[in-house]
């Protein structure tokens, strides 16, 4: 099992506004499977694959954080 996964659907409260296209209720955040906590608010995937295609992975997040040190 992966350490980070997209948050399972638990109703519309588990979907957020996409940081790229600003479409409401279309963005799924990544969560830590050990703690259940979400990662950074911009780490996730937009459901509008054809129109937006935004997908910011945990790997990208940790590479960004690592390069900021």
C-alpha atoms as a PDB file:
ATOM      1  CA  UNK A   1       0.000   0.000   0.000  1.00  0.00           C
ATOM      2  CA  UNK A   2       1.192   3.508  -0.776  1.00  0.00           C
ATOM      3  CA  UNK A   3       2.031   6.033   1.940  1.00  0.00           C
ATOM      4  CA  UNK A   4      -0.026   8.732   0.162  1.00  0.00           C
ATOM      5  CA  UNK A   5      -3.257   8.269  -1.737  1.00  0.00           C
ATOM      6  CA  UNK A   6      -6.054  10.406  -3.102  1.00  0.00           C
ATOM      7  CA  UNK A   7      -8.735  11.034  -0.496  1.00  0.00           C
ATOM      8  CA  UNK A   8     -11.620   8.568  -0.901  1.00  0.00           C
ATOM      9  CA  UNK A   9     -14.966  10.077  -1.871  1.00  0.00           C
ATOM     10  CA  UNK A  10     -17.036  10.770   1.247  1.00  0.00           C
ATOM     11  CA  UNK A  11     -19.575  13.130  -0.208  1.00  0.00           C
ATOM     12  CA  UNK A  12     -19.104  16.625  -1.574  1.00  0.00           C
ATOM     13  CA  UNK A  13     -17.307  17.755   1.618  1.00  0.00           C
ATOM     14  CA  UNK A  14     -14.342  15.630   0.496  1.00  0.00           C
ATOM     15  CA  UNK A  15     -13.990  17.617  -2.758  1.00  0.00           C
ATOM     16  CA  UNK A  16     -12.431  21.063  -2.944  1.00  0.00           C
ATOM     17  CA  UNK A  17     -11.806  23.995  -5.293  1.00  0.00           C
ATOM     18  CA  UNK A  18      -9.091  23.261  -7.837  1.00  0.00           C
ATOM     19  CA  UNK A  19      -6.075  25.580  -7.414  1.00  0.00           C
ATOM     20  CA  UNK A  20      -5.520  25.663 -11.199  1.00  0.00           C
ATOM     21  CA  UNK A  21      -8.967  26.155 -12.754  1.00  0.00           C
ATOM     22  CA  UNK A  22     -10.857  27.348  -9.647  1.00  0.00           C
ATOM     23  CA  UNK A  23     -13.679  24.921 -10.350  1.00  0.00           C
ATOM     24  CA  UNK A  24     -15.543  24.147  -7.130  1.00  0.00           C
ATOM     25  CA  UNK A  25     -15.989  20.608  -5.802  1.00  0.00           C
ATOM     26  CA  UNK A  26     -13.711  19.001  -8.437  1.00  0.00           C
ATOM     27  CA  UNK A  27     -10.390  18.705  -6.585  1.00  0.00           C
ATOM     28  CA  UNK A  28      -9.286  15.651  -4.605  1.00  0.00           C
ATOM     29  CA  UNK A  29      -6.430  16.090  -2.127  1.00  0.00           C
ATOM     30  CA  UNK A  30      -3.739  13.576  -1.242  1.00  0.00           C
ATOM     31  CA  UNK A  31      -3.805  12.139   2.268  1.00  0.00           C
ATOM     32  CA  UNK A  32      -1.223  10.362   4.416  1.00  0.00           C
ATOM     33  CA  UNK A  33      -2.581   6.826   4.831  1.00  0.00           C
ATOM     34  CA  UNK A  34      -0.967   6.472   8.280  1.00  0.00           C
ATOM     35  CA  UNK A  35      -2.425   9.614   9.853  1.00  0.00           C
ATOM     36  CA  UNK A  36      -5.388  10.456   7.596  1.00  0.00           C
ATOM     37  CA  UNK A  37      -4.102  14.046   7.380  1.00  0.00           C
ATOM     38  CA  UNK A  38      -4.139  15.885   4.059  1.00  0.00           C
ATOM     39  CA  UNK A  39      -0.922  17.072   2.483  1.00  0.00           C
ATOM     40  CA  UNK A  40      -0.486  20.645   1.221  1.00  0.00           C
ATOM     41  CA  UNK A  41      -3.736  22.177  -0.079  1.00  0.00           C
ATOM     42  CA  UNK A  42      -2.379  22.231  -3.647  1.00  0.00           C
ATOM     43  CA  UNK A  43      -1.313  18.546  -3.662  1.00  0.00           C
ATOM     44  CA  UNK A  44      -4.029  16.599  -5.447  1.00  0.00           C
ATOM     45  CA  UNK A  45      -5.840  16.007  -8.685  1.00  0.00           C
ATOM     46  CA  UNK A  46      -8.598  17.841 -10.529  1.00  0.00           C
ATOM     47  CA  UNK A  47     -11.483  15.666 -11.727  1.00  0.00           C
ATOM     48  CA  UNK A  48     -11.729  17.789 -14.877  1.00  0.00           C
ATOM     49  CA  UNK A  49      -8.986  15.836 -16.691  1.00  0.00           C
ATOM     50  CA  UNK A  50      -9.973  16.980 -20.197  1.00  0.00           C
ATOM     51  CA  UNK A  51     -10.497  20.638 -19.321  1.00  0.00           C
ATOM     52  CA  UNK A  52      -7.950  21.255 -16.587  1.00  0.00           C
ATOM     53  CA  UNK A  53      -5.715  18.233 -16.052  1.00  0.00           C
ATOM     54  CA  UNK A  54      -4.113  19.589 -12.868  1.00  0.00           C
ATOM     55  CA  UNK A  55      -2.301  16.874 -10.925  1.00  0.00           C
ATOM     56  CA  UNK A  56       0.274  17.772  -8.268  1.00  0.00           C
ATOM     57  CA  UNK A  57       1.744  14.599  -6.801  1.00  0.00           C
ATOM     58  CA  UNK A  58       3.286  13.999  -3.367  1.00  0.00           C
ATOM     59  CA  UNK A  59       6.613  13.415  -5.141  1.00  0.00           C
ATOM     60  CA  UNK A  60       6.441  16.893  -6.688  1.00  0.00           C
ATOM     61  CA  UNK A  61       5.579  18.357  -3.301  1.00  0.00           C
ATOM     62  CA  UNK A  62       8.539  16.744  -1.545  1.00  0.00           C
ATOM     63  CA  UNK A  63      10.920  17.672  -4.366  1.00  0.00           C
ATOM     64  CA  UNK A  64       9.733  21.291  -4.028  1.00  0.00           C
ATOM     65  CA  UNK A  65      10.157  21.267  -0.253  1.00  0.00           C
ATOM     66  CA  UNK A  66      13.574  19.621  -0.551  1.00  0.00           C
ATOM     67  CA  UNK A  67      14.800  22.263  -3.002  1.00  0.00           C
ATOM     68  CA  UNK A  68      13.563  25.063  -0.706  1.00  0.00           C
ATOM     69  CA  UNK A  69      15.997  24.061   2.059  1.00  0.00           C
END
